[in-house]
Amino acid sequence: MKLVLLTAVHSFKRELQHLLKQSGVKTYSYRDVTGFKDLSEEALASNWFGSEINEIESIAFYAIVPVENLEKLYDLILTFNQELETKTKVHLATFSIEKFI
């Protein structure tokens, strides 16, 4: 089993729920979060947001996933990200679980 963390802009919520279902992940938790990116080192002219600090409505999904479901989830997220026409992407991380009850 692995702990999976998915983060994305809030507008991707339904798509992420669908991708989790496709990969066999039937149980998960999610929470609205505020995404943050410090853009102070970028020139304001090239900064799409026009300010140094950017906060955006985001979402985080958490799930304990059997290892056999992980590769499909990674593949689905990779394909989803490649098809996006926006700069923002879905982020996926997995963490080892030492014990699970």
C-alpha atoms as a PDB file:
ATOM      1  CA  MET A   1       0.000   0.000   0.000  1.00  0.00           C
ATOM      2  CA  LYS A   2       1.096   3.554  -0.734  1.00  0.00           C
ATOM      3  CA  LEU A   3      -0.211   6.925   0.335  1.00  0.00           C
ATOM      4  CA  VAL A   4      -1.062   9.000  -2.736  1.00  0.00           C
ATOM      5  CA  LEU A   5      -1.272  12.787  -2.796  1.00  0.00           C
ATOM      6  CA  LEU A   6      -2.758  14.569  -5.815  1.00  0.00           C
ATOM      7  CA  THR A   7      -2.848  18.355  -6.046  1.00  0.00           C
ATOM      8  CA  ALA A   8      -4.369  20.500  -8.778  1.00  0.00           C
ATOM      9  CA  VAL A   9      -6.371  23.625  -9.431  1.00  0.00           C
ATOM     10  CA  HIS A  10      -9.915  23.265  -8.153  1.00  0.00           C
ATOM     11  CA  SER A  11     -11.396  23.263 -11.658  1.00  0.00           C
ATOM     12  CA  PHE A  12      -9.847  19.787 -12.244  1.00  0.00           C
ATOM     13  CA  LYS A  13     -11.844  18.214  -9.382  1.00  0.00           C
ATOM     14  CA  ARG A  14     -14.301  16.190 -11.516  1.00  0.00           C
ATOM     15  CA  GLU A  15     -11.602  15.003 -13.901  1.00  0.00           C
ATOM     16  CA  LEU A  16      -9.430  13.817 -11.008  1.00  0.00           C
ATOM     17  CA  GLN A  17     -12.336  11.947  -9.464  1.00  0.00           C
ATOM     18  CA  HIS A  18     -12.881  10.228 -12.805  1.00  0.00           C
ATOM     19  CA  LEU A  19      -9.172   9.335 -13.143  1.00  0.00           C
ATOM     20  CA  LEU A  20      -9.098   7.904  -9.629  1.00  0.00           C
ATOM     21  CA  LYS A  21     -12.110   5.746 -10.458  1.00  0.00           C
ATOM     22  CA  GLN A  22     -10.526   4.592 -13.746  1.00  0.00           C
ATOM     23  CA  SER A  23      -7.389   3.502 -11.908  1.00  0.00           C
ATOM     24  CA  GLY A  24      -9.376   1.443  -9.406  1.00  0.00           C
ATOM     25  CA  VAL A  25      -9.114   3.877  -6.491  1.00  0.00           C
ATOM     26  CA  LYS A  26     -12.580   3.797  -4.955  1.00  0.00           C
ATOM     27  CA  THR A  27     -11.878   5.348  -1.570  1.00  0.00           C
ATOM     28  CA  TYR A  28     -10.185   8.691  -1.067  1.00  0.00           C
ATOM     29  CA  SER A  29     -10.442  11.989   0.759  1.00  0.00           C
ATOM     30  CA  TYR A  30     -10.148  15.460  -0.667  1.00  0.00           C
ATOM     31  CA  ARG A  31      -9.912  18.953   0.666  1.00  0.00           C
ATOM     32  CA  ASP A  32     -10.059  22.438  -0.751  1.00  0.00           C
ATOM     33  CA  VAL A  33      -6.699  24.137  -0.302  1.00  0.00           C
ATOM     34  CA  THR A  34      -5.078  27.385  -1.314  1.00  0.00           C
ATOM     35  CA  GLY A  35      -2.291  26.924  -3.834  1.00  0.00           C
ATOM     36  CA  PHE A  36       0.591  29.373  -3.636  1.00  0.00           C
ATOM     37  CA  LYS A  37       3.433  30.273  -5.978  1.00  0.00           C
ATOM     38  CA  ASP A  38       6.060  32.908  -5.270  1.00  0.00           C
ATOM     39  CA  LEU A  39       6.705  34.671  -8.562  1.00  0.00           C
ATOM     40  CA  SER A  40       8.962  37.392  -7.156  1.00  0.00           C
ATOM     41  CA  GLU A  41      11.962  36.206  -9.194  1.00  0.00           C
ATOM     42  CA  GLU A  42      10.102  36.416 -12.513  1.00  0.00           C
ATOM     43  CA  ALA A  43       9.932  39.673 -14.428  1.00  0.00           C
ATOM     44  CA  LEU A  44       6.477  41.200 -14.000  1.00  0.00           C
ATOM     45  CA  ALA A  45       6.178  41.597 -17.781  1.00  0.00           C
ATOM     46  CA  SER A  46       6.448  37.821 -18.298  1.00  0.00           C
ATOM     47  CA  ASN A  47       4.306  37.018 -15.254  1.00  0.00           C
ATOM     48  CA  TRP A  48       0.790  36.106 -16.398  1.00  0.00           C
ATOM     49  CA  PHE A  49      -0.637  37.020 -12.984  1.00  0.00           C
ATOM     50  CA  GLY A  50       0.937  40.495 -12.927  1.00  0.00           C
ATOM     51  CA  SER A  51       2.017  40.295  -9.290  1.00  0.00           C
ATOM     52  CA  GLU A  52       4.740  38.682  -7.220  1.00  0.00           C
ATOM     53  CA  ILE A  53       2.469  36.504  -5.097  1.00  0.00           C
ATOM     54  CA  ASN A  54      -0.182  34.223  -6.533  1.00  0.00           C
ATOM     55  CA  GLU A  55      -2.792  32.278  -4.592  1.00  0.00           C
ATOM     56  CA  ILE A  56      -5.319  30.060  -6.344  1.00  0.00           C
ATOM     57  CA  GLU A  57      -8.187  27.815  -5.316  1.00  0.00           C
ATOM     58  CA  SER A  58      -6.811  24.300  -5.406  1.00  0.00           C
ATOM     59  CA  ILE A  59      -7.722  20.807  -4.292  1.00  0.00           C
ATOM     60  CA  ALA A  60      -5.772  17.985  -2.670  1.00  0.00           C
ATOM     61  CA  PHE A  61      -6.759  14.317  -2.850  1.00  0.00           C
ATOM     62  CA  TYR A  62      -5.400  11.717  -0.405  1.00  0.00           C
ATOM     63  CA  ALA A  63      -5.749   7.961  -0.805  1.00  0.00           C
ATOM     64  CA  ILE A  64      -4.216   4.752   0.447  1.00  0.00           C
ATOM     65  CA  VAL A  65      -3.751   2.786  -2.745  1.00  0.00           C
ATOM     66  CA  PRO A  66      -2.669  -0.795  -3.467  1.00  0.00           C
ATOM     67  CA  VAL A  67       0.651  -0.841  -5.315  1.00  0.00           C
ATOM     68  CA  GLU A  68      -0.962  -2.619  -8.290  1.00  0.00           C
ATOM     69  CA  ASN A  69      -3.156   0.461  -8.954  1.00  0.00           C
ATOM     70  CA  LEU A  70      -0.314   2.988  -8.947  1.00  0.00           C
ATOM     71  CA  GLU A  71       1.075   2.509 -12.448  1.00  0.00           C
ATOM     72  CA  LYS A  72      -2.342   2.987 -14.045  1.00  0.00           C
ATOM     73  CA  LEU A  73      -2.913   6.136 -11.965  1.00  0.00           C
ATOM     74  CA  TYR A  74       0.496   7.542 -12.956  1.00  0.00           C
ATOM     75  CA  ASP A  75      -0.216   6.783 -16.623  1.00  0.00           C
ATOM     76  CA  LEU A  76      -3.657   8.426 -16.487  1.00  0.00           C
ATOM     77  CA  ILE A  77      -2.295  11.568 -14.798  1.00  0.00           C
ATOM     78  CA  LEU A  78       0.627  11.763 -17.250  1.00  0.00           C
ATOM     79  CA  THR A  79      -1.756  11.519 -20.225  1.00  0.00           C
ATOM     80  CA  PHE A  80      -4.110  14.084 -18.657  1.00  0.00           C
ATOM     81  CA  ASN A  81      -1.234  16.528 -18.125  1.00  0.00           C
ATOM     82  CA  GLN A  82       0.063  16.058 -21.685  1.00  0.00           C
ATOM     83  CA  GLU A  83      -3.353  16.877 -23.122  1.00  0.00           C
ATOM     84  CA  LEU A  84      -3.750  20.091 -21.116  1.00  0.00           C
ATOM     85  CA  GLU A  85      -3.415  23.379 -22.927  1.00  0.00           C
ATOM     86  CA  THR A  86      -2.712  25.262 -19.708  1.00  0.00           C
ATOM     87  CA  LYS A  87       0.519  25.775 -17.787  1.00  0.00           C
ATOM     88  CA  THR A  88      -0.954  24.311 -14.613  1.00  0.00           C
ATOM     89  CA  LYS A  89      -0.677  20.554 -14.206  1.00  0.00           C
ATOM     90  CA  VAL A  90      -1.840  17.857 -11.822  1.00  0.00           C
ATOM     91  CA  HIS A  91       0.855  16.859  -9.337  1.00  0.00           C
ATOM     92  CA  LEU A  92       1.050  13.289  -8.055  1.00  0.00           C
ATOM     93  CA  ALA A  93       3.270  11.969  -5.272  1.00  0.00           C
ATOM     94  CA  THR A  94       3.385   8.626  -3.508  1.00  0.00           C
ATOM     95  CA  PHE A  95       4.681   7.847  -0.048  1.00  0.00           C
ATOM     96  CA  SER A  96       5.608   4.557   1.574  1.00  0.00           C
ATOM     97  CA  ILE A  97       3.454   3.327   4.421  1.00  0.00           C
ATOM     98  CA  GLU A  98       5.260   1.477   7.193  1.00  0.00           C
ATOM     99  CA  LYS A  99       2.145   0.096   8.889  1.00  0.00           C
ATOM    100  CA  PHE A 100      -1.497   0.058   7.939  1.00  0.00           C
ATOM    101  CA  ILE A 101      -4.541  -1.105   9.916  1.00  0.00           C
END
